[in-house]
Amino acid sequence: MAKNKNYESLKNDITQSELKSQFDYDAEDGVLIKKFRNGKPYNSVCGNKPDCRGYGQIRINRKKYSTHRLIWLWHYGEFPSEFIDHIDGDKMNNRIENLREVDQVVNGHNHKFHKNNKSGFPNVSWDKEKEMWIVQMCVYYKRIFVGYYRTMEEAIHAAKMAKIKYHPTSPVAKKYAEELGIPIQ
């Protein structure tokens, strides 16, 4: 798996013991609580306001860190070498049971569909030439053609089935499998 190069330089900047000396972790809410400010007791939640990408940020020693990566460090003693996926898709839900380390491809399985999507459903689009709905998706950087469909309902069903087949570990695929009554490993 490819390493997440954006965070390679941050790995040695703060240790788990340094983090724990400055912050407590609230497991119920999935937040870090700053213990002290200017040497005085502080007990304030940090990193609970989303940045422009939708992630919480915390500044430690004049350096910004993503809240979810610090929570990973808090629990596992090291920064993740890969990406952190928010299983439920909520970038501000940093409870440790909602975080998992994944590669870039798997991290993309949870993304919402693009803003220019006209069908309102991921991997489904209208082919003007054929005047049919087309279903296609990416699987490890390769575009997979699923098929053409006369109705949007057929295309959506095919897209759900393809998601289950090609991305079975995705929470979205698990949701579709449950919705369609299909057992999934």
N, C-alpha and C. Protein backbone atom coordinates (compact mmCIF):
# COMPACT_ATOMS: atom_id res chain seq x y z
N MET A 1 0.84 -1.19 0.00
CA MET A 1 0.00 0.00 0.00
C MET A 1 0.88 1.25 0.00
N ALA A 2 0.44 2.25 -0.71
CA ALA A 2 1.19 3.51 -0.77
C ALA A 2 1.05 4.26 0.54
N LYS A 3 2.15 4.85 0.95
CA LYS A 3 2.15 5.65 2.17
C LYS A 3 1.52 7.01 1.89
N ASN A 4 0.95 7.61 2.91
CA ASN A 4 0.37 8.94 2.78
C ASN A 4 1.50 9.94 2.96
N LYS A 5 2.08 10.41 1.86
CA LYS A 5 3.27 11.26 1.89
C LYS A 5 3.02 12.61 2.56
N ASN A 6 1.78 13.09 2.55
CA ASN A 6 1.49 14.40 3.14
C ASN A 6 1.80 14.44 4.63
N TYR A 7 1.78 13.30 5.28
CA TYR A 7 1.95 13.28 6.72
C TYR A 7 3.26 12.68 7.17
N GLU A 8 4.14 12.29 6.22
CA GLU A 8 5.41 11.68 6.59
C GLU A 8 6.22 12.60 7.50
N SER A 9 6.23 13.91 7.21
CA SER A 9 7.06 14.83 7.98
C SER A 9 6.51 15.09 9.38
N LEU A 10 5.24 14.78 9.62
CA LEU A 10 4.64 15.06 10.93
C LEU A 10 4.89 13.96 11.95
N LYS A 11 5.32 12.79 11.50
CA LYS A 11 5.36 11.63 12.37
C LYS A 11 6.15 11.84 13.66
N ASN A 12 7.29 12.52 13.58
CA ASN A 12 8.15 12.64 14.75
C ASN A 12 7.96 13.94 15.52
N ASP A 13 6.99 14.74 15.12
CA ASP A 13 6.82 16.03 15.76
C ASP A 13 6.24 15.94 17.17
N ILE A 14 5.39 14.98 17.41
CA ILE A 14 4.79 14.84 18.74
C ILE A 14 4.61 13.35 19.03
N THR A 15 4.85 12.98 20.25
CA THR A 15 4.72 11.58 20.64
C THR A 15 3.40 11.38 21.37
N GLN A 16 3.04 10.12 21.55
CA GLN A 16 1.83 9.79 22.28
C GLN A 16 1.90 10.33 23.71
N SER A 17 3.05 10.21 24.36
CA SER A 17 3.16 10.69 25.75
C SER A 17 3.04 12.21 25.82
N GLU A 18 3.61 12.93 24.85
CA GLU A 18 3.45 14.39 24.81
C GLU A 18 1.99 14.76 24.61
N LEU A 19 1.34 14.05 23.69
CA LEU A 19 -0.07 14.31 23.41
C LEU A 19 -0.92 14.08 24.66
N LYS A 20 -0.68 12.95 25.33
CA LYS A 20 -1.46 12.62 26.52
C LYS A 20 -1.17 13.56 27.69
N SER A 21 0.01 14.16 27.70
CA SER A 21 0.31 15.12 28.78
C SER A 21 -0.45 16.43 28.58
N GLN A 22 -0.85 16.71 27.32
CA GLN A 22 -1.54 17.97 27.02
C GLN A 22 -3.05 17.82 26.84
N PHE A 23 -3.50 16.60 26.51
CA PHE A 23 -4.91 16.39 26.18
C PHE A 23 -5.46 15.14 26.86
N ASP A 24 -6.76 15.18 27.18
CA ASP A 24 -7.52 14.00 27.55
C ASP A 24 -8.39 13.65 26.35
N TYR A 25 -8.83 12.40 26.30
CA TYR A 25 -9.71 11.95 25.21
C TYR A 25 -11.06 11.58 25.79
N ASP A 26 -12.12 12.15 25.22
CA ASP A 26 -13.48 11.83 25.62
C ASP A 26 -14.02 10.79 24.63
N ALA A 27 -14.09 9.53 25.06
CA ALA A 27 -14.49 8.43 24.17
C ALA A 27 -15.93 8.54 23.70
N GLU A 28 -16.80 9.07 24.53
CA GLU A 28 -18.21 9.16 24.15
C GLU A 28 -18.43 10.11 22.98
N ASP A 29 -17.74 11.27 23.02
CA ASP A 29 -17.91 12.27 21.97
C ASP A 29 -16.81 12.22 20.90
N GLY A 30 -15.72 11.48 21.16
CA GLY A 30 -14.62 11.40 20.21
C GLY A 30 -13.88 12.71 20.04
N VAL A 31 -13.62 13.40 21.15
CA VAL A 31 -12.94 14.70 21.10
C VAL A 31 -11.74 14.71 22.04
N LEU A 32 -10.80 15.59 21.72
CA LEU A 32 -9.66 15.82 22.60
C LEU A 32 -9.94 17.06 23.45
N ILE A 33 -9.56 16.99 24.71
CA ILE A 33 -9.81 18.08 25.66
C ILE A 33 -8.46 18.58 26.17
N LYS A 34 -8.18 19.84 25.89
CA LYS A 34 -6.92 20.44 26.33
C LYS A 34 -6.93 20.60 27.85
N LYS A 35 -5.88 20.06 28.50
CA LYS A 35 -5.83 20.06 29.96
C LYS A 35 -5.43 21.43 30.53
N PHE A 36 -4.44 22.07 29.90
CA PHE A 36 -3.89 23.31 30.44
C PHE A 36 -3.73 24.35 29.34
N ARG A 37 -3.80 25.62 29.77
CA ARG A 37 -3.48 26.74 28.88
C ARG A 37 -2.70 27.75 29.70
N ASN A 38 -1.54 28.11 29.22
CA ASN A 38 -0.66 29.02 29.95
C ASN A 38 -0.39 28.51 31.37
N GLY A 39 -0.25 27.20 31.51
CA GLY A 39 0.08 26.61 32.80
C GLY A 39 -1.08 26.48 33.77
N LYS A 40 -2.27 26.90 33.35
CA LYS A 40 -3.44 26.84 34.24
C LYS A 40 -4.43 25.80 33.72
N PRO A 41 -5.21 25.17 34.60
CA PRO A 41 -6.22 24.20 34.14
C PRO A 41 -7.16 24.85 33.11
N TYR A 42 -7.44 24.11 32.07
CA TYR A 42 -8.22 24.67 30.96
C TYR A 42 -9.46 23.83 30.65
N ASN A 43 -9.29 22.52 30.43
CA ASN A 43 -10.39 21.59 30.17
C ASN A 43 -11.36 22.09 29.10
N SER A 44 -10.84 22.33 27.92
CA SER A 44 -11.66 22.81 26.81
C SER A 44 -11.53 21.86 25.62
N VAL A 45 -12.66 21.60 24.97
CA VAL A 45 -12.68 20.74 23.77
C VAL A 45 -11.93 21.46 22.65
N CYS A 46 -11.09 20.71 21.95
CA CYS A 46 -10.33 21.26 20.83
C CYS A 46 -10.63 20.51 19.55
N GLY A 47 -10.44 21.19 18.43
CA GLY A 47 -10.58 20.55 17.13
C GLY A 47 -12.00 20.17 16.76
N ASN A 48 -12.97 20.88 17.33
CA ASN A 48 -14.36 20.53 17.05
C ASN A 48 -15.03 21.46 16.05
N LYS A 49 -14.25 22.33 15.41
CA LYS A 49 -14.79 23.19 14.35
C LYS A 49 -14.15 22.76 13.04
N PRO A 50 -14.95 22.41 12.04
CA PRO A 50 -14.39 21.92 10.78
C PRO A 50 -13.63 22.99 9.99
N ASP A 51 -12.54 22.57 9.35
CA ASP A 51 -11.82 23.46 8.45
C ASP A 51 -12.52 23.44 7.09
N CYS A 52 -11.90 24.03 6.08
CA CYS A 52 -12.54 24.11 4.76
C CYS A 52 -12.76 22.75 4.12
N ARG A 53 -12.04 21.72 4.57
CA ARG A 53 -12.22 20.36 4.04
C ARG A 53 -13.20 19.55 4.88
N GLY A 54 -13.64 20.12 6.00
CA GLY A 54 -14.60 19.43 6.85
C GLY A 54 -13.99 18.67 8.01
N TYR A 55 -12.67 18.78 8.20
CA TYR A 55 -11.98 18.08 9.29
C TYR A 55 -11.65 19.02 10.43
N GLY A 56 -11.67 18.49 11.67
CA GLY A 56 -11.23 19.25 12.82
C GLY A 56 -9.71 19.40 12.80
N GLN A 57 -9.22 20.54 13.28
CA GLN A 57 -7.78 20.81 13.34
C GLN A 57 -7.40 21.23 14.75
N ILE A 58 -6.21 20.83 15.18
CA ILE A 58 -5.68 21.25 16.48
C ILE A 58 -4.26 21.73 16.26
N ARG A 59 -3.94 22.87 16.86
CA ARG A 59 -2.59 23.41 16.76
C ARG A 59 -1.82 23.02 18.02
N ILE A 60 -0.67 22.37 17.82
CA ILE A 60 0.22 22.00 18.92
C ILE A 60 1.62 22.47 18.54
N ASN A 61 2.23 23.23 19.43
CA ASN A 61 3.57 23.76 19.17
C ASN A 61 3.65 24.45 17.81
N ARG A 62 2.66 25.28 17.53
CA ARG A 62 2.58 26.09 16.32
C ARG A 62 2.43 25.27 15.03
N LYS A 63 2.01 24.03 15.14
CA LYS A 63 1.81 23.20 13.97
C LYS A 63 0.39 22.63 14.00
N LYS A 64 -0.29 22.65 12.84
CA LYS A 64 -1.66 22.12 12.76
C LYS A 64 -1.64 20.63 12.50
N TYR A 65 -2.55 19.95 13.20
CA TYR A 65 -2.74 18.51 13.01
C TYR A 65 -4.24 18.26 12.82
N SER A 66 -4.56 17.27 12.03
CA SER A 66 -5.96 16.84 11.91
C SER A 66 -6.33 16.10 13.19
N THR A 67 -7.49 16.43 13.74
CA THR A 67 -7.95 15.84 15.00
C THR A 67 -7.99 14.32 14.92
N HIS A 68 -8.49 13.77 13.84
CA HIS A 68 -8.61 12.31 13.73
C HIS A 68 -7.25 11.62 13.75
N ARG A 69 -6.21 12.28 13.21
CA ARG A 69 -4.87 11.69 13.22
C ARG A 69 -4.29 11.73 14.64
N LEU A 70 -4.57 12.80 15.38
CA LEU A 70 -4.11 12.87 16.77
C LEU A 70 -4.82 11.82 17.63
N ILE A 71 -6.09 11.61 17.39
CA ILE A 71 -6.82 10.60 18.15
C ILE A 71 -6.27 9.21 17.84
N TRP A 72 -5.87 8.98 16.60
CA TRP A 72 -5.22 7.71 16.26
C TRP A 72 -3.91 7.56 17.05
N LEU A 73 -3.11 8.61 17.06
CA LEU A 73 -1.86 8.61 17.83
C LEU A 73 -2.14 8.35 19.31
N TRP A 74 -3.15 8.99 19.85
CA TRP A 74 -3.54 8.83 21.25
C TRP A 74 -3.77 7.34 21.59
N HIS A 75 -4.45 6.65 20.70
CA HIS A 75 -4.83 5.25 20.97
C HIS A 75 -3.75 4.24 20.60
N TYR A 76 -3.03 4.47 19.51
CA TYR A 76 -2.13 3.43 18.99
C TYR A 76 -0.65 3.76 19.14
N GLY A 77 -0.33 4.95 19.63
CA GLY A 77 1.06 5.28 19.91
C GLY A 77 1.88 5.74 18.73
N GLU A 78 1.27 5.81 17.55
CA GLU A 78 1.98 6.30 16.37
C GLU A 78 0.97 6.87 15.39
N PHE A 79 1.48 7.77 14.55
CA PHE A 79 0.62 8.29 13.50
C PHE A 79 0.37 7.19 12.47
N PRO A 80 -0.78 7.19 11.84
CA PRO A 80 -1.02 6.19 10.80
C PRO A 80 -0.10 6.44 9.61
N SER A 81 0.35 5.38 8.97
CA SER A 81 1.20 5.54 7.79
C SER A 81 0.34 5.71 6.54
N GLU A 82 -0.93 5.40 6.66
CA GLU A 82 -1.85 5.49 5.52
C GLU A 82 -2.87 6.60 5.80
N PHE A 83 -4.03 6.48 5.19
CA PHE A 83 -5.12 7.43 5.38
C PHE A 83 -6.03 6.94 6.50
N ILE A 84 -6.74 7.86 7.12
CA ILE A 84 -7.74 7.51 8.12
C ILE A 84 -9.11 7.73 7.49
N ASP A 85 -9.91 6.68 7.49
CA ASP A 85 -11.25 6.72 6.94
C ASP A 85 -12.24 6.86 8.09
N HIS A 86 -13.16 7.79 7.95
CA HIS A 86 -14.28 7.91 8.89
C HIS A 86 -15.36 6.96 8.36
N ILE A 87 -15.56 5.87 9.04
CA ILE A 87 -16.40 4.77 8.56
C ILE A 87 -17.80 5.25 8.19
N ASP A 88 -18.38 6.12 9.02
CA ASP A 88 -19.74 6.58 8.74
C ASP A 88 -19.78 7.77 7.78
N GLY A 89 -18.62 8.22 7.31
CA GLY A 89 -18.56 9.33 6.36
C GLY A 89 -18.61 10.70 7.01
N ASP A 90 -18.80 10.77 8.32
CA ASP A 90 -18.87 12.04 9.05
C ASP A 90 -17.46 12.42 9.49
N LYS A 91 -16.88 13.43 8.83
CA LYS A 91 -15.49 13.82 9.09
C LYS A 91 -15.27 14.36 10.50
N MET A 92 -16.33 14.69 11.20
CA MET A 92 -16.18 15.22 12.56
C MET A 92 -16.49 14.16 13.62
N ASN A 93 -16.85 12.94 13.22
CA ASN A 93 -17.09 11.86 14.16
C ASN A 93 -15.77 11.13 14.38
N ASN A 94 -15.03 11.56 15.39
CA ASN A 94 -13.69 11.05 15.64
C ASN A 94 -13.63 10.04 16.78
N ARG A 95 -14.75 9.37 17.05
CA ARG A 95 -14.70 8.27 18.02
C ARG A 95 -13.81 7.18 17.41
N ILE A 96 -12.94 6.60 18.20
CA ILE A 96 -11.94 5.67 17.68
C ILE A 96 -12.58 4.51 16.93
N GLU A 97 -13.76 4.06 17.35
CA GLU A 97 -14.41 2.95 16.64
C GLU A 97 -14.94 3.36 15.27
N ASN A 98 -14.94 4.66 14.96
CA ASN A 98 -15.37 5.15 13.66
C ASN A 98 -14.18 5.41 12.74
N LEU A 99 -12.97 5.19 13.22
CA LEU A 99 -11.76 5.46 12.44
C LEU A 99 -11.09 4.14 12.06
N ARG A 100 -10.61 4.08 10.82
CA ARG A 100 -9.83 2.92 10.39
C ARG A 100 -8.75 3.39 9.43
N GLU A 101 -7.60 2.71 9.48
CA GLU A 101 -6.51 3.04 8.58
C GLU A 101 -6.71 2.28 7.28
N VAL A 102 -6.64 3.01 6.16
CA VAL A 102 -6.87 2.42 4.84
C VAL A 102 -5.92 3.06 3.84
N ASP A 103 -5.81 2.44 2.66
CA ASP A 103 -5.04 3.07 1.60
C ASP A 103 -5.92 4.11 0.89
N GLN A 104 -5.33 4.84 -0.03
CA GLN A 104 -6.04 5.94 -0.69
C GLN A 104 -7.25 5.44 -1.46
N VAL A 105 -7.14 4.29 -2.10
CA VAL A 105 -8.25 3.77 -2.90
C VAL A 105 -9.45 3.45 -2.01
N VAL A 106 -9.21 2.71 -0.93
CA VAL A 106 -10.31 2.35 -0.02
C VAL A 106 -10.90 3.60 0.62
N ASN A 107 -10.06 4.58 0.92
CA ASN A 107 -10.55 5.82 1.50
C ASN A 107 -11.55 6.50 0.57
N GLY A 108 -11.35 6.36 -0.72
CA GLY A 108 -12.25 6.97 -1.70
C GLY A 108 -13.60 6.28 -1.80
N HIS A 109 -13.74 5.06 -1.28
CA HIS A 109 -15.01 4.34 -1.38
C HIS A 109 -16.13 5.03 -0.61
N ASN A 110 -15.80 5.80 0.38
CA ASN A 110 -16.80 6.45 1.22
C ASN A 110 -17.21 7.84 0.72
N HIS A 111 -16.51 8.34 -0.28
CA HIS A 111 -16.77 9.71 -0.71
C HIS A 111 -18.16 9.87 -1.29
N LYS A 112 -18.69 11.04 -1.08
CA LYS A 112 -19.98 11.38 -1.66
C LYS A 112 -19.80 11.56 -3.17
N PHE A 113 -20.89 11.53 -3.92
CA PHE A 113 -20.76 11.71 -5.36
C PHE A 113 -20.45 13.17 -5.69
N HIS A 114 -19.95 13.38 -6.90
CA HIS A 114 -19.52 14.69 -7.32
C HIS A 114 -20.69 15.68 -7.42
N LYS A 115 -20.35 16.95 -7.24
CA LYS A 115 -21.37 18.01 -7.28
C LYS A 115 -22.05 18.10 -8.65
N ASN A 116 -21.32 17.73 -9.71
CA ASN A 116 -21.90 17.83 -11.05
C ASN A 116 -22.68 16.57 -11.44
N ASN A 117 -22.90 15.66 -10.52
CA ASN A 117 -23.67 14.45 -10.77
C ASN A 117 -25.13 14.81 -10.99
N LYS A 118 -25.64 14.48 -12.16
CA LYS A 118 -27.02 14.86 -12.52
C LYS A 118 -28.05 13.80 -12.11
N SER A 119 -27.60 12.54 -11.94
CA SER A 119 -28.55 11.47 -11.62
C SER A 119 -28.94 11.49 -10.14
N GLY A 120 -28.08 12.07 -9.31
CA GLY A 120 -28.34 12.06 -7.88
C GLY A 120 -27.89 10.77 -7.21
N PHE A 121 -27.18 9.92 -7.96
CA PHE A 121 -26.71 8.65 -7.41
C PHE A 121 -25.29 8.40 -7.92
N PRO A 122 -24.36 7.97 -7.03
CA PRO A 122 -22.98 7.75 -7.47
C PRO A 122 -22.87 6.66 -8.53
N ASN A 123 -21.96 6.87 -9.48
CA ASN A 123 -21.63 5.91 -10.54
C ASN A 123 -22.72 5.74 -11.60
N VAL A 124 -23.74 6.58 -11.57
CA VAL A 124 -24.83 6.53 -12.55
C VAL A 124 -24.87 7.86 -13.29
N SER A 125 -24.84 7.78 -14.64
CA SER A 125 -24.91 9.01 -15.42
C SER A 125 -25.72 8.74 -16.69
N TRP A 126 -26.11 9.83 -17.35
CA TRP A 126 -26.92 9.74 -18.56
C TRP A 126 -26.02 9.82 -19.78
N ASP A 127 -26.16 8.87 -20.69
CA ASP A 127 -25.41 8.88 -21.94
C ASP A 127 -26.32 9.48 -23.01
N LYS A 128 -25.99 10.70 -23.46
CA LYS A 128 -26.84 11.42 -24.42
C LYS A 128 -26.92 10.70 -25.76
N GLU A 129 -25.79 10.15 -26.23
CA GLU A 129 -25.77 9.47 -27.53
C GLU A 129 -26.67 8.24 -27.55
N LYS A 130 -26.58 7.42 -26.54
CA LYS A 130 -27.36 6.18 -26.48
C LYS A 130 -28.73 6.39 -25.87
N GLU A 131 -28.92 7.55 -25.24
CA GLU A 131 -30.16 7.87 -24.54
C GLU A 131 -30.53 6.78 -23.54
N MET A 132 -29.52 6.43 -22.75
CA MET A 132 -29.69 5.42 -21.70
C MET A 132 -28.83 5.81 -20.50
N TRP A 133 -29.18 5.21 -19.37
CA TRP A 133 -28.37 5.41 -18.16
C TRP A 133 -27.18 4.46 -18.21
N ILE A 134 -26.02 4.97 -17.85
CA ILE A 134 -24.80 4.15 -17.85
C ILE A 134 -24.28 4.04 -16.41
N VAL A 135 -23.80 2.87 -16.07
CA VAL A 135 -23.20 2.64 -14.75
C VAL A 135 -21.75 2.24 -14.97
N GLN A 136 -20.85 2.99 -14.34
CA GLN A 136 -19.43 2.68 -14.36
C GLN A 136 -18.82 3.13 -13.04
N MET A 137 -17.73 2.48 -12.66
CA MET A 137 -17.08 2.84 -11.40
C MET A 137 -15.60 2.57 -11.50
N CYS A 138 -14.84 3.14 -10.59
CA CYS A 138 -13.40 2.91 -10.55
C CYS A 138 -13.09 1.84 -9.52
N VAL A 139 -12.22 0.91 -9.92
CA VAL A 139 -11.75 -0.13 -9.02
C VAL A 139 -10.23 -0.15 -9.15
N TYR A 140 -9.56 0.26 -8.10
CA TYR A 140 -8.09 0.38 -8.11
C TYR A 140 -7.58 1.04 -9.38
N TYR A 141 -8.05 2.26 -9.60
CA TYR A 141 -7.62 3.15 -10.67
C TYR A 141 -8.04 2.69 -12.08
N LYS A 142 -8.87 1.68 -12.19
CA LYS A 142 -9.37 1.25 -13.50
C LYS A 142 -10.87 1.49 -13.56
N ARG A 143 -11.32 2.07 -14.68
CA ARG A 143 -12.74 2.29 -14.87
C ARG A 143 -13.39 0.98 -15.30
N ILE A 144 -14.42 0.58 -14.56
CA ILE A 144 -15.15 -0.64 -14.85
C ILE A 144 -16.51 -0.26 -15.42
N PHE A 145 -16.81 -0.76 -16.61
CA PHE A 145 -18.11 -0.55 -17.24
C PHE A 145 -19.06 -1.62 -16.69
N VAL A 146 -20.17 -1.19 -16.10
CA VAL A 146 -21.15 -2.13 -15.55
C VAL A 146 -22.25 -2.40 -16.57
N GLY A 147 -22.77 -1.35 -17.22
CA GLY A 147 -23.79 -1.57 -18.23
C GLY A 147 -24.63 -0.34 -18.54
N TYR A 148 -25.49 -0.49 -19.56
CA TYR A 148 -26.47 0.53 -19.94
C TYR A 148 -27.84 0.08 -19.47
N TYR A 149 -28.69 1.04 -19.07
CA TYR A 149 -30.01 0.70 -18.53
C TYR A 149 -31.03 1.70 -19.05
N ARG A 150 -32.22 1.21 -19.33
CA ARG A 150 -33.29 2.06 -19.86
C ARG A 150 -33.87 2.98 -18.78
N THR A 151 -33.95 2.48 -17.55
CA THR A 151 -34.53 3.30 -16.48
C THR A 151 -33.48 3.62 -15.42
N MET A 152 -33.69 4.72 -14.76
CA MET A 152 -32.79 5.10 -13.69
C MET A 152 -32.85 4.08 -12.55
N GLU A 153 -34.02 3.54 -12.27
CA GLU A 153 -34.18 2.56 -11.20
C GLU A 153 -33.31 1.33 -11.46
N GLU A 154 -33.30 0.84 -12.72
CA GLU A 154 -32.45 -0.30 -13.08
C GLU A 154 -30.97 0.05 -12.91
N ALA A 155 -30.61 1.25 -13.33
CA ALA A 155 -29.22 1.70 -13.23
C ALA A 155 -28.79 1.81 -11.76
N ILE A 156 -29.64 2.34 -10.92
CA ILE A 156 -29.32 2.47 -9.50
C ILE A 156 -29.15 1.10 -8.86
N HIS A 157 -30.03 0.17 -9.20
CA HIS A 157 -29.91 -1.19 -8.68
C HIS A 157 -28.58 -1.81 -9.12
N ALA A 158 -28.23 -1.64 -10.40
CA ALA A 158 -26.97 -2.18 -10.91
C ALA A 158 -25.77 -1.52 -10.22
N ALA A 159 -25.86 -0.23 -9.97
CA ALA A 159 -24.77 0.48 -9.29
C ALA A 159 -24.60 -0.04 -7.86
N LYS A 160 -25.69 -0.29 -7.18
CA LYS A 160 -25.62 -0.84 -5.83
C LYS A 160 -24.99 -2.23 -5.85
N MET A 161 -25.40 -3.07 -6.79
CA MET A 161 -24.84 -4.42 -6.89
C MET A 161 -23.35 -4.37 -7.22
N ALA A 162 -22.95 -3.44 -8.09
CA ALA A 162 -21.53 -3.29 -8.43
C ALA A 162 -20.72 -2.82 -7.22
N LYS A 163 -21.30 -1.92 -6.45
CA LYS A 163 -20.61 -1.44 -5.24
C LYS A 163 -20.38 -2.60 -4.29
N ILE A 164 -21.37 -3.44 -4.11
CA ILE A 164 -21.25 -4.61 -3.24
C ILE A 164 -20.17 -5.56 -3.77
N LYS A 165 -20.15 -5.76 -5.08
CA LYS A 165 -19.19 -6.69 -5.69
C LYS A 165 -17.75 -6.16 -5.63
N TYR A 166 -17.54 -4.90 -6.03
CA TYR A 166 -16.19 -4.37 -6.19
C TYR A 166 -15.62 -3.70 -4.94
N HIS A 167 -16.48 -3.23 -4.04
CA HIS A 167 -16.02 -2.54 -2.82
C HIS A 167 -16.69 -3.15 -1.59
N PRO A 168 -16.55 -4.45 -1.37
CA PRO A 168 -17.31 -5.12 -0.29
C PRO A 168 -16.99 -4.64 1.12
N THR A 169 -15.81 -4.05 1.33
CA THR A 169 -15.47 -3.58 2.68
C THR A 169 -16.00 -2.18 2.96
N SER A 170 -16.52 -1.54 1.94
CA SER A 170 -17.03 -0.18 2.10
C SER A 170 -18.30 -0.18 2.94
N PRO A 171 -18.41 0.76 3.88
CA PRO A 171 -19.65 0.88 4.65
C PRO A 171 -20.86 1.13 3.75
N VAL A 172 -20.65 1.82 2.64
CA VAL A 172 -21.74 2.08 1.71
C VAL A 172 -22.22 0.76 1.10
N ALA A 173 -21.28 -0.11 0.70
CA ALA A 173 -21.64 -1.42 0.14
C ALA A 173 -22.39 -2.25 1.17
N LYS A 174 -21.96 -2.19 2.41
CA LYS A 174 -22.64 -2.94 3.47
C LYS A 174 -24.06 -2.44 3.65
N LYS A 175 -24.24 -1.13 3.54
CA LYS A 175 -25.58 -0.54 3.66
C LYS A 175 -26.47 -1.03 2.51
N TYR A 176 -25.93 -1.02 1.29
CA TYR A 176 -26.69 -1.49 0.13
C TYR A 176 -27.04 -2.97 0.28
N ALA A 177 -26.09 -3.79 0.73
CA ALA A 177 -26.33 -5.22 0.88
C ALA A 177 -27.45 -5.47 1.87
N GLU A 178 -27.43 -4.72 2.96
CA GLU A 178 -28.48 -4.85 3.98
C GLU A 178 -29.83 -4.44 3.39
N GLU A 179 -29.82 -3.33 2.67
CA GLU A 179 -31.04 -2.80 2.04
C GLU A 179 -31.63 -3.80 1.04
N LEU A 180 -30.75 -4.52 0.30
CA LEU A 180 -31.20 -5.46 -0.73
C LEU A 180 -31.34 -6.89 -0.19
N GLY A 181 -31.01 -7.10 1.08
CA GLY A 181 -31.11 -8.44 1.68
C GLY A 181 -30.08 -9.42 1.16
N ILE A 182 -28.88 -8.89 0.83
CA ILE A 182 -27.81 -9.73 0.29
C ILE A 182 -26.76 -9.94 1.38
N PRO A 183 -26.38 -11.21 1.68
CA PRO A 183 -25.32 -11.42 2.68
C PRO A 183 -23.97 -10.95 2.12
N ILE A 184 -23.17 -10.33 2.96
CA ILE A 184 -21.87 -9.83 2.55
C ILE A 184 -20.84 -10.23 3.60
N GLN A 185 -19.64 -10.56 3.16
CA GLN A 185 -18.58 -10.96 4.09
C GLN A 185 -17.95 -9.75 4.72
